[in-house]
PDB file of N, CA and C in Angstrom:
ATOM      1  N   UNK A   1      90.649 -31.943   5.301  1.00  0.00           N
ATOM      2  CA  UNK A   1      89.025 -31.382   5.411  1.00  0.00           C
ATOM      3  C   UNK A   1      88.019 -32.540   4.602  1.00  0.00           C
ATOM      4  N   UNK A   2      87.856 -32.227   3.330  1.00  0.00           N
ATOM      5  CA  UNK A   2      86.260 -32.594   2.544  1.00  0.00           C
ATOM      6  C   UNK A   2      86.059 -34.205   2.899  1.00  0.00           C
ATOM      7  N   UNK A   3      87.034 -34.801   3.042  1.00  0.00           N
ATOM      8  CA  UNK A   3      86.764 -36.085   3.593  1.00  0.00           C
ATOM      9  C   UNK A   3      86.594 -36.805   4.219  1.00  0.00           C
ATOM     10  N   UNK A   4      86.958 -36.269   5.811  1.00  0.00           N
ATOM     11  CA  UNK A   4      86.069 -36.157   7.071  1.00  0.00           C
ATOM     12  C   UNK A   4      85.414 -35.591   7.142  1.00  0.00           C
ATOM     13  N   UNK A   5      84.539 -34.446   6.368  1.00  0.00           N
ATOM     14  CA  UNK A   5      82.898 -34.392   6.282  1.00  0.00           C
ATOM     15  C   UNK A   5      82.687 -35.109   5.549  1.00  0.00           C
ATOM     16  N   UNK A   6      82.711 -35.441   4.615  1.00  0.00           N
ATOM     17  CA  UNK A   6      81.830 -36.808   3.819  1.00  0.00           C
ATOM     18  C   UNK A   6      81.681 -37.827   4.805  1.00  0.00           C
ATOM     19  N   UNK A   7      83.056 -38.179   5.109  1.00  0.00           N
ATOM     20  CA  UNK A   7      82.697 -39.160   6.369  1.00  0.00           C
ATOM     21  C   UNK A   7      81.994 -38.998   7.210  1.00  0.00           C
ATOM     22  N   UNK A   8      82.234 -38.327   8.085  1.00  0.00           N
ATOM     23  CA  UNK A   8      81.302 -37.299   9.014  1.00  0.00           C
ATOM     24  C   UNK A   8      79.700 -37.736   8.534  1.00  0.00           C
ATOM     25  N   UNK A   9      79.431 -37.214   7.546  1.00  0.00           N
ATOM     26  CA  UNK A   9      77.634 -36.791   6.950  1.00  0.00           C
ATOM     27  C   UNK A   9      77.275 -38.437   7.066  1.00  0.00           C
ATOM     28  N   UNK A  10      78.575 -38.978   6.097  1.00  0.00           N
ATOM     29  CA  UNK A  10      77.732 -40.664   6.281  1.00  0.00           C
ATOM     30  C   UNK A  10      77.243 -41.171   6.953  1.00  0.00           C
ATOM     31  N   UNK A  11      78.175 -40.945   8.321  1.00  0.00           N
ATOM     32  CA  UNK A  11      77.504 -41.684   9.501  1.00  0.00           C
ATOM     33  C   UNK A  11      76.385 -41.062   9.922  1.00  0.00           C
ATOM     34  N   UNK A  12      76.474 -39.832   9.898  1.00  0.00           N
ATOM     35  CA  UNK A  12      75.387 -39.301  10.678  1.00  0.00           C
ATOM     36  C   UNK A  12      74.073 -39.238   9.559  1.00  0.00           C
ATOM     37  N   UNK A  13      74.332 -39.526   8.950  1.00  0.00           N
ATOM     38  CA  UNK A  13      72.893 -39.983   7.894  1.00  0.00           C
ATOM     39  C   UNK A  13      72.257 -41.682   8.666  1.00  0.00           C
ATOM     40  N   UNK A  14      73.843 -42.658   8.173  1.00  0.00           N
ATOM     41  CA  UNK A  14      73.198 -43.858   8.355  1.00  0.00           C
ATOM     42  C   UNK A  14      72.522 -44.094  10.113  1.00  0.00           C
ATOM     43  N   UNK A  15      73.162 -42.890  11.026  1.00  0.00           N
ATOM     44  CA  UNK A  15      72.451 -43.031  12.164  1.00  0.00           C
ATOM     45  C   UNK A  15      71.459 -42.807  12.527  1.00  0.00           C
ATOM     46  N   UNK A  16      71.183 -41.127  11.965  1.00  0.00           N
ATOM     47  CA  UNK A  16      69.500 -40.767  11.236  1.00  0.00           C
ATOM     48  C   UNK A  16      68.732 -41.697  11.142  1.00  0.00           C
ATOM     49  N   UNK A  17      68.882 -42.456  10.188  1.00  0.00           N
ATOM     50  CA  UNK A  17      68.270 -43.292   9.356  1.00  0.00           C
ATOM     51  C   UNK A  17      67.719 -44.574  10.500  1.00  0.00           C
ATOM     52  N   UNK A  18      68.888 -45.082  11.309  1.00  0.00           N
ATOM     53  CA  UNK A  18      68.600 -46.156  11.974  1.00  0.00           C
ATOM     54  C   UNK A  18      67.712 -45.762  12.871  1.00  0.00           C
ATOM     55  N   UNK A  19      67.415 -44.871  13.501  1.00  0.00           N
ATOM     56  CA  UNK A  19      66.887 -43.888  14.753  1.00  0.00           C
ATOM     57  C   UNK A  19      65.629 -44.001  14.063  1.00  0.00           C
ATOM     58  N   UNK A  20      65.427 -43.125  13.315  1.00  0.00           N
ATOM     59  CA  UNK A  20      64.136 -43.028  12.778  1.00  0.00           C
ATOM     60  C   UNK A  20      63.429 -43.829  12.740  1.00  0.00           C
ATOM     61  N   UNK A  21      63.792 -44.912  11.774  1.00  0.00           N
ATOM     62  CA  UNK A  21      62.844 -45.972  11.142  1.00  0.00           C
ATOM     63  C   UNK A  21      63.238 -47.102  11.130  1.00  0.00           C
ATOM     64  N   UNK A  22      63.552 -47.732  11.585  1.00  0.00           N
ATOM     65  CA  UNK A  22      64.149 -49.354  11.456  1.00  0.00           C
ATOM     66  C   UNK A  22      63.881 -50.047   9.974  1.00  0.00           C
ATOM     67  N   UNK A  23      64.849 -50.390   9.233  1.00  0.00           N
ATOM     68  CA  UNK A  23      64.235 -50.923   8.095  1.00  0.00           C
ATOM     69  C   UNK A  23      64.746 -53.008   7.765  1.00  0.00           C
ATOM     70  N   UNK A  24      64.162 -53.685   7.337  1.00  0.00           N
ATOM     71  CA  UNK A  24      64.401 -54.845   7.023  1.00  0.00           C
ATOM     72  C   UNK A  24      65.994 -54.857   6.030  1.00  0.00           C
ATOM     73  N   UNK A  25      66.395 -55.845   6.301  1.00  0.00           N
ATOM     74  CA  UNK A  25      67.557 -56.175   5.384  1.00  0.00           C
ATOM     75  C   UNK A  25      67.147 -56.539   3.945  1.00  0.00           C
ATOM     76  N   UNK A  26      66.681 -56.710   3.504  1.00  0.00           N
ATOM     77  CA  UNK A  26      65.721 -56.639   1.905  1.00  0.00           C
ATOM     78  C   UNK A  26      65.471 -54.828   2.329  1.00  0.00           C
ATOM     79  N   UNK A  27      65.182 -54.206   2.433  1.00  0.00           N
ATOM     80  CA  UNK A  27      64.860 -52.399   2.526  1.00  0.00           C
ATOM     81  C   UNK A  27      66.497 -51.674   2.048  1.00  0.00           C
ATOM     82  N   UNK A  28      67.485 -52.706   2.915  1.00  0.00           N
ATOM     83  CA  UNK A  28      68.436 -52.075   3.040  1.00  0.00           C
ATOM     84  C   UNK A  28      69.116 -52.864   1.824  1.00  0.00           C
ATOM     85  N   UNK A  29      69.056 -53.281   1.106  1.00  0.00           N
ATOM     86  CA  UNK A  29      69.897 -53.379   0.407  1.00  0.00           C
ATOM     87  C   UNK A  29      69.441 -53.050  -0.778  1.00  0.00           C
ATOM     88  N   UNK A  30      67.822 -53.137  -1.143  1.00  0.00           N
ATOM     89  CA  UNK A  30      67.125 -52.412  -2.003  1.00  0.00           C
ATOM     90  C   UNK A  30      67.595 -51.310  -2.360  1.00  0.00           C
ATOM     91  N   UNK A  31      67.253 -50.248  -1.093  1.00  0.00           N
ATOM     92  CA  UNK A  31      68.126 -48.619  -0.947  1.00  0.00           C
ATOM     93  C   UNK A  31      69.017 -48.604  -1.039  1.00  0.00           C
ATOM     94  N   UNK A  32      70.076 -48.943  -0.512  1.00  0.00           N
ATOM     95  CA  UNK A  32      71.939 -48.886  -0.488  1.00  0.00           C
ATOM     96  C   UNK A  32      72.631 -50.138  -1.676  1.00  0.00           C
ATOM     97  N   UNK A  33      72.144 -50.531  -2.213  1.00  0.00           N
ATOM     98  CA  UNK A  33      73.304 -51.927  -2.771  1.00  0.00           C
ATOM     99  C   UNK A  33      73.864 -50.903  -3.979  1.00  0.00           C
ATOM    100  N   UNK A  34      73.577 -50.046  -4.585  1.00  0.00           N
ATOM    101  CA  UNK A  34      73.742 -48.805  -5.938  1.00  0.00           C
ATOM    102  C   UNK A  34      75.016 -48.190  -5.372  1.00  0.00           C
ATOM    103  N   UNK A  35      75.273 -48.275  -4.011  1.00  0.00           N
ATOM    104  CA  UNK A  35      76.276 -47.316  -3.305  1.00  0.00           C
ATOM    105  C   UNK A  35      77.716 -47.953  -3.031  1.00  0.00           C
ATOM    106  N   UNK A  36      77.436 -49.537  -3.262  1.00  0.00           N
ATOM    107  CA  UNK A  36      78.601 -50.375  -2.830  1.00  0.00           C
ATOM    108  C   UNK A  36      79.194 -50.832  -4.143  1.00  0.00           C
ATOM    109  N   UNK A  37      80.707 -50.808  -3.999  1.00  0.00           N
ATOM    110  CA  UNK A  37      81.740 -50.366  -4.760  1.00  0.00           C
ATOM    111  C   UNK A  37      82.629 -51.600  -4.000  1.00  0.00           C
ATOM    112  N   UNK A  38      83.383 -52.054  -5.004  1.00  0.00           N
ATOM    113  CA  UNK A  38      84.271 -53.313  -5.149  1.00  0.00           C
ATOM    114  C   UNK A  38      85.944 -52.804  -5.318  1.00  0.00           C
ATOM    115  N   UNK A  39      87.127 -52.433  -4.469  1.00  0.00           N
ATOM    116  CA  UNK A  39      88.016 -51.549  -5.018  1.00  0.00           C
ATOM    117  C   UNK A  39      89.653 -52.749  -5.126  1.00  0.00           C
ATOM    118  N   UNK A  40      89.643 -52.483  -6.526  1.00  0.00           N
ATOM    119  CA  UNK A  40      90.827 -53.583  -7.553  1.00  0.00           C
ATOM    120  C   UNK A  40      92.040 -52.409  -7.576  1.00  0.00           C
ATOM    121  N   UNK A  41      92.989 -53.255  -6.874  1.00  0.00           N
ATOM    122  CA  UNK A  41      94.626 -52.176  -7.544  1.00  0.00           C
ATOM    123  C   UNK A  41      94.656 -54.067  -8.139  1.00  0.00           C
ATOM    124  N   UNK A  42      96.158 -53.641  -8.978  1.00  0.00           N
ATOM    125  CA  UNK A  42      96.108 -54.430 -10.370  1.00  0.00           C
ATOM    126  C   UNK A  42      95.807 -55.731 -10.606  1.00  0.00           C
ATOM    127  N   UNK A  43      94.577 -55.962 -10.773  1.00  0.00           N
ATOM    128  CA  UNK A  43      93.622 -56.645 -10.900  1.00  0.00           C
ATOM    129  C   UNK A  43      92.686 -57.538  -9.540  1.00  0.00           C
ATOM    130  N   UNK A  44      93.680 -57.420  -8.342  1.00  0.00           N
ATOM    131  CA  UNK A  44      93.644 -58.256  -7.534  1.00  0.00           C
ATOM    132  C   UNK A  44      92.394 -57.390  -6.597  1.00  0.00           C
ATOM    133  N   UNK A  45      91.104 -58.386  -6.618  1.00  0.00           N
ATOM    134  CA  UNK A  45      90.045 -57.507  -5.103  1.00  0.00           C
ATOM    135  C   UNK A  45      90.376 -57.209  -3.925  1.00  0.00           C
ATOM    136  N   UNK A  46      90.698 -56.191  -3.506  1.00  0.00           N
ATOM    137  CA  UNK A  46      91.117 -55.644  -2.302  1.00  0.00           C
ATOM    138  C   UNK A  46      90.037 -55.519  -1.175  1.00  0.00           C
ATOM    139  N   UNK A  47      88.599 -55.415  -1.597  1.00  0.00           N
ATOM    140  CA  UNK A  47      87.880 -55.490  -0.577  1.00  0.00           C
ATOM    141  C   UNK A  47      86.474 -54.350  -1.610  1.00  0.00           C
ATOM    142  N   UNK A  48      85.406 -54.116  -0.219  1.00  0.00           N
ATOM    143  CA  UNK A  48      84.343 -53.445  -0.728  1.00  0.00           C
ATOM    144  C   UNK A  48      84.069 -51.994   0.250  1.00  0.00           C
ATOM    145  N   UNK A  49      83.795 -50.964  -0.508  1.00  0.00           N
ATOM    146  CA  UNK A  49      83.364 -50.106   0.345  1.00  0.00           C
ATOM    147  C   UNK A  49      82.110 -49.472   0.251  1.00  0.00           C
ATOM    148  N   UNK A  50      81.606 -47.973   0.206  1.00  0.00           N
ATOM    149  CA  UNK A  50      80.726 -47.324  -0.019  1.00  0.00           C
ATOM    150  C   UNK A  50      80.514 -46.352  -0.610  1.00  0.00           C
ATOM    151  N   UNK A  51      79.845 -45.942  -1.489  1.00  0.00           N
ATOM    152  CA  UNK A  51      80.150 -44.640  -2.284  1.00  0.00           C
ATOM    153  C   UNK A  51      79.344 -43.299  -1.902  1.00  0.00           C
ATOM    154  N   UNK A  52      79.743 -42.181  -1.112  1.00  0.00           N
ATOM    155  CA  UNK A  52      79.017 -41.403  -0.328  1.00  0.00           C
ATOM    156  C   UNK A  52      79.323 -40.100  -0.902  1.00  0.00           C
ATOM    157  N   UNK A  53      79.746 -39.960  -1.577  1.00  0.00           N
ATOM    158  CA  UNK A  53      79.333 -38.446  -2.050  1.00  0.00           C
ATOM    159  C   UNK A  53      79.308 -38.515  -3.689  1.00  0.00           C
ATOM    160  N   UNK A  54      78.841 -37.403  -4.237  1.00  0.00           N
ATOM    161  CA  UNK A  54      78.816 -37.453  -5.992  1.00  0.00           C
ATOM    162  C   UNK A  54      80.141 -37.361  -6.568  1.00  0.00           C
ATOM    163  N   UNK A  55      81.331 -36.880  -5.579  1.00  0.00           N
ATOM    164  CA  UNK A  55      82.678 -36.095  -6.190  1.00  0.00           C
ATOM    165  C   UNK A  55      83.611 -37.686  -6.491  1.00  0.00           C
ATOM    166  N   UNK A  56      82.987 -38.404  -5.550  1.00  0.00           N
ATOM    167  CA  UNK A  56      83.634 -40.582  -5.890  1.00  0.00           C
ATOM    168  C   UNK A  56      83.721 -40.542  -3.820  1.00  0.00           C
ATOM    169  N   UNK A  57      83.491 -39.529  -3.266  1.00  0.00           N
ATOM    170  CA  UNK A  57      84.233 -39.919  -1.967  1.00  0.00           C
ATOM    171  C   UNK A  57      83.983 -41.834  -1.469  1.00  0.00           C
ATOM    172  N   UNK A  58      84.588 -42.452  -0.959  1.00  0.00           N
ATOM    173  CA  UNK A  58      84.261 -44.057  -0.664  1.00  0.00           C
ATOM    174  C   UNK A  58      84.442 -44.032   0.725  1.00  0.00           C
ATOM    175  N   UNK A  59      83.977 -45.049   1.571  1.00  0.00           N
ATOM    176  CA  UNK A  59      84.233 -44.959   2.707  1.00  0.00           C
ATOM    177  C   UNK A  59      84.550 -46.241   3.226  1.00  0.00           C
ATOM    178  N   UNK A  60      85.482 -47.172   3.298  1.00  0.00           N
ATOM    179  CA  UNK A  60      86.104 -48.244   3.436  1.00  0.00           C
ATOM    180  C   UNK A  60      86.723 -48.579   4.773  1.00  0.00           C
ATOM    181  N   UNK A  61      87.101 -49.590   4.869  1.00  0.00           N
ATOM    182  CA  UNK A  61      88.139 -49.685   5.944  1.00  0.00           C
ATOM    183  C   UNK A  61      89.547 -50.124   5.817  1.00  0.00           C
ATOM    184  N   UNK A  62      90.300 -49.605   6.727  1.00  0.00           N
ATOM    185  CA  UNK A  62      91.622 -49.714   6.733  1.00  0.00           C
ATOM    186  C   UNK A  62      92.589 -50.571   6.376  1.00  0.00           C
ATOM    187  N   UNK A  63      92.038 -51.531   6.439  1.00  0.00           N
ATOM    188  CA  UNK A  63      92.847 -53.021   5.866  1.00  0.00           C
ATOM    189  C   UNK A  63      92.659 -52.900   4.204  1.00  0.00           C
ATOM    190  N   UNK A  64      91.470 -52.379   3.836  1.00  0.00           N
ATOM    191  CA  UNK A  64      91.129 -52.682   2.190  1.00  0.00           C
ATOM    192  C   UNK A  64      92.100 -51.531   1.524  1.00  0.00           C
ATOM    193  N   UNK A  65      92.575 -50.417   2.122  1.00  0.00           N
ATOM    194  CA  UNK A  65      93.280 -49.267   1.453  1.00  0.00           C
ATOM    195  C   UNK A  65      95.259 -48.943   2.206  1.00  0.00           C
ATOM    196  N   UNK A  66      95.392 -50.378   3.155  1.00  0.00           N
ATOM    197  CA  UNK A  66      96.592 -50.796   3.143  1.00  0.00           C
ATOM    198  C   UNK A  66      97.462 -51.469   3.030  1.00  0.00           C
ATOM    199  N   UNK A  67      98.477 -51.361   2.413  1.00  0.00           N
ATOM    200  CA  UNK A  67      99.568 -52.442   1.931  1.00  0.00           C
ATOM    201  C   UNK A  67      99.758 -53.208   3.362  1.00  0.00           C
ATOM    202  N   UNK A  68      99.879 -55.037   2.972  1.00  0.00           N
ATOM    203  CA  UNK A  68     100.179 -55.540   4.072  1.00  0.00           C
ATOM    204  C   UNK A  68     101.647 -56.089   4.352  1.00  0.00           C
ATOM    205  N   UNK A  69     102.521 -55.385   3.396  1.00  0.00           N
ATOM    206  CA  UNK A  69     103.868 -55.589   3.525  1.00  0.00           C
ATOM    207  C   UNK A  69     104.568 -54.370   4.162  1.00  0.00           C
ATOM    208  N   UNK A  70     104.281 -53.371   3.808  1.00  0.00           N
ATOM    209  CA  UNK A  70     104.820 -52.134   4.159  1.00  0.00           C
ATOM    210  C   UNK A  70     104.470 -51.197   5.417  1.00  0.00           C
ATOM    211  N   UNK A  71     102.796 -51.630   5.428  1.00  0.00           N
ATOM    212  CA  UNK A  71     102.115 -50.883   6.527  1.00  0.00           C
ATOM    213  C   UNK A  71     101.047 -49.531   5.424  1.00  0.00           C
ATOM    214  N   UNK A  72     101.944 -49.053   4.079  1.00  0.00           N
ATOM    215  CA  UNK A  72     102.103 -48.250   3.738  1.00  0.00           C
ATOM    216  C   UNK A  72     100.782 -47.561   3.092  1.00  0.00           C
ATOM    217  N   UNK A  73      99.598 -46.612   3.421  1.00  0.00           N
ATOM    218  CA  UNK A  73      98.661 -46.289   2.761  1.00  0.00           C
ATOM    219  C   UNK A  73      98.583 -46.794   0.982  1.00  0.00           C
ATOM    220  N   UNK A  74      97.600 -47.492   0.632  1.00  0.00           N
ATOM    221  CA  UNK A  74      97.615 -47.456  -1.119  1.00  0.00           C
ATOM    222  C   UNK A  74      96.869 -46.040  -1.557  1.00  0.00           C
ATOM    223  N   UNK A  75      96.392 -45.177  -1.537  1.00  0.00           N
ATOM    224  CA  UNK A  75      95.478 -44.207  -1.209  1.00  0.00           C
ATOM    225  C   UNK A  75      96.429 -43.569  -2.870  1.00  0.00           C
ATOM    226  N   UNK A  76      95.988 -42.932  -3.948  1.00  0.00           N
ATOM    227  CA  UNK A  76      96.215 -41.825  -4.636  1.00  0.00           C
ATOM    228  C   UNK A  76      96.316 -40.596  -4.035  1.00  0.00           C
ATOM    229  N   UNK A  77      97.324 -39.914  -3.808  1.00  0.00           N
ATOM    230  CA  UNK A  77      97.349 -38.090  -4.005  1.00  0.00           C
ATOM    231  C   UNK A  77      96.814 -37.332  -4.920  1.00  0.00           C
TER     232      UNK A  77
END
């Protein structure tokens, strides 16, 4: 449940930012680039995501956290 809340908050925050005051690509990079993370596993880069909470929750695409051969989640529980 906390993960869903973190993702929901992130999406609401981004939607509000876009609706409230559009910013340029340069401004977006300056404001949000510190939140971008690279996701690695076993020395192989899998993709990127965005840090969305102080607890370390990351928002990323499903293919980044799914094993290609088994279809199983690579997330640590």
